[in-house]
């Protein structure tokens, strides 16, 4: 995993970004992780419909309007502003030079997979034909 994260950080700078999370995670666990960590900035499903930061996209908006939402969720740890406070278990903070006043969030590769599984539950339901 350490190599995947290091490669991801290098490739993010080049504009080529691989994903390390694979589909098949635990959606219920992903919901719990999102509720604990992501709701401080994002509106996440029905967990905090009036929460989040107004300039931060909701999970629902990302899923509905971004065709690349899976890639974005799979690589969120390297996308600004996440490196400022994210810590990868066994690796540490991605950017140790940033202010330490933000409470760090520690996640594992499995946590990312679980969050993506939860995000899949937020996809808009197809409209039934009459």
Protein backbone atom coordinates (compact mmCIF):
# COMPACT_ATOMS: atom_id res chain seq x y z
CA UNK A 1 0.00 0.00 0.00
CA UNK A 2 2.83 2.39 0.84
CA UNK A 3 4.13 2.10 -2.73
CA UNK A 4 0.64 2.70 -4.16
CA UNK A 5 0.27 5.88 -2.12
CA UNK A 6 3.73 7.15 -3.01
CA UNK A 7 3.13 6.43 -6.70
CA UNK A 8 -0.27 8.13 -6.50
CA UNK A 9 1.25 11.27 -5.02
CA UNK A 10 3.95 11.41 -7.68
CA UNK A 11 1.51 10.80 -10.51
CA UNK A 12 -0.98 13.34 -9.16
CA UNK A 13 1.64 15.99 -9.89
CA UNK A 14 1.89 14.75 -13.48
CA UNK A 15 -1.86 14.69 -14.01
CA UNK A 16 -1.96 10.88 -14.20
CA UNK A 17 -3.70 9.49 -11.16
CA UNK A 18 -4.22 5.77 -10.47
CA UNK A 19 -6.80 4.57 -8.00
CA UNK A 20 -5.96 2.06 -5.31
CA UNK A 21 -9.43 1.39 -3.99
CA UNK A 22 -11.40 -1.38 -5.62
CA UNK A 23 -15.15 -1.83 -5.65
CA UNK A 24 -16.53 -4.39 -3.24
CA UNK A 25 -16.09 -2.65 0.10
CA UNK A 26 -18.51 -2.66 2.99
CA UNK A 27 -21.10 0.11 2.42
CA UNK A 28 -22.32 0.12 6.04
CA UNK A 29 -18.79 0.61 7.31
CA UNK A 30 -18.22 3.26 4.62
CA UNK A 31 -21.27 5.15 5.85
CA UNK A 32 -19.87 5.12 9.38
CA UNK A 33 -16.47 6.35 8.16
CA UNK A 34 -18.07 9.11 6.09
CA UNK A 35 -20.23 10.15 9.05
CA UNK A 36 -17.21 10.31 11.32
CA UNK A 37 -14.74 12.05 9.03
CA UNK A 38 -16.30 13.48 5.87
CA UNK A 39 -19.29 15.33 7.34
CA UNK A 40 -17.09 18.01 8.84
CA UNK A 41 -16.84 19.47 5.31
CA UNK A 42 -19.29 17.61 3.03
CA UNK A 43 -23.01 16.96 3.07
CA UNK A 44 -23.15 13.17 3.02
CA UNK A 45 -26.43 11.51 2.07
CA UNK A 46 -29.06 11.79 4.76
CA UNK A 47 -26.45 11.87 7.53
CA UNK A 48 -26.14 15.67 7.64
CA UNK A 49 -28.47 17.24 5.05
CA UNK A 50 -27.93 20.75 6.42
CA UNK A 51 -24.24 20.37 7.33
CA UNK A 52 -20.99 20.68 5.48
CA UNK A 53 -19.20 23.74 4.18
CA UNK A 54 -21.07 25.64 1.48
CA UNK A 55 -18.10 25.71 -0.91
CA UNK A 56 -17.55 21.96 -0.59
CA UNK A 57 -19.52 19.66 -2.90
CA UNK A 58 -21.89 17.17 -1.36
CA UNK A 59 -21.28 13.49 -1.96
CA UNK A 60 -24.62 13.35 -3.81
CA UNK A 61 -23.61 16.16 -6.17
CA UNK A 62 -20.29 14.49 -6.95
CA UNK A 63 -22.00 11.19 -7.72
CA UNK A 64 -24.75 12.78 -9.80
CA UNK A 65 -22.77 15.36 -11.78
CA UNK A 66 -19.20 14.07 -12.06
CA UNK A 67 -18.73 11.16 -14.48
CA UNK A 68 -15.32 10.61 -12.87
CA UNK A 69 -16.74 10.42 -9.33
CA UNK A 70 -15.29 6.93 -8.70
CA UNK A 71 -11.80 8.13 -9.52
CA UNK A 72 -12.31 11.21 -7.35
CA UNK A 73 -13.39 9.15 -4.35
CA UNK A 74 -10.68 6.54 -4.91
CA UNK A 75 -7.98 9.21 -4.98
CA UNK A 76 -9.42 11.82 -2.64
CA UNK A 77 -6.52 11.38 -0.21
CA UNK A 78 -4.18 13.11 -2.67
CA UNK A 79 -6.62 15.84 -3.78
CA UNK A 80 -6.56 19.24 -2.11
CA UNK A 81 -7.28 19.98 0.67
CA UNK A 82 -7.24 16.39 1.97
CA UNK A 83 -3.43 16.02 2.23
CA UNK A 84 -3.47 18.83 4.79
CA UNK A 85 -5.04 16.62 7.43
CA UNK A 86 -5.11 13.06 6.14
CA UNK A 87 -2.88 10.38 7.58
CA UNK A 88 -2.53 6.97 5.95
CA UNK A 89 -2.18 4.15 8.47
CA UNK A 90 1.38 2.86 8.40
CA UNK A 91 2.60 5.80 6.31
CA UNK A 92 1.75 8.90 8.34
CA UNK A 93 0.76 12.34 7.14
CA UNK A 94 1.04 12.88 3.43
CA UNK A 95 2.19 16.50 3.86
CA UNK A 96 4.05 16.86 7.18
CA UNK A 97 4.95 20.48 6.34
CA UNK A 98 1.37 21.71 6.69
CA UNK A 99 -0.04 23.20 9.90
CA UNK A 100 -0.57 20.61 12.62
CA UNK A 101 -3.64 22.37 14.06
CA UNK A 102 -6.11 20.34 12.00
CA UNK A 103 -7.16 17.11 13.65
CA UNK A 104 -5.65 14.36 11.49
CA UNK A 105 -7.85 11.71 9.92
CA UNK A 106 -6.30 8.26 9.73
CA UNK A 107 -7.63 5.88 7.10
CA UNK A 108 -6.66 2.58 5.55
CA UNK A 109 -6.98 1.33 2.00
CA UNK A 110 -9.96 -0.74 3.15
CA UNK A 111 -11.59 2.40 4.57
CA UNK A 112 -11.37 4.04 1.15
CA UNK A 113 -12.92 0.96 -0.45
CA UNK A 114 -15.73 1.04 2.10
CA UNK A 115 -16.44 4.74 1.54
CA UNK A 116 -16.63 4.12 -2.20
CA UNK A 117 -19.06 1.25 -1.60
CA UNK A 118 -21.22 3.63 0.46
CA UNK A 119 -20.99 6.34 -2.21
CA UNK A 120 -22.36 3.86 -4.75
CA UNK A 121 -25.56 3.74 -2.65
CA UNK A 122 -26.02 7.48 -3.28
CA UNK A 123 -26.30 7.12 -7.05
CA UNK A 124 -29.60 8.47 -8.37
CA UNK A 125 -32.18 5.74 -8.91
CA UNK A 126 -33.31 5.28 -12.51
CA UNK A 127 -36.76 6.67 -13.15
CA UNK A 128 -39.42 4.06 -13.70
CA UNK A 129 -41.10 4.14 -17.09
CA UNK A 130 -44.88 4.42 -17.02
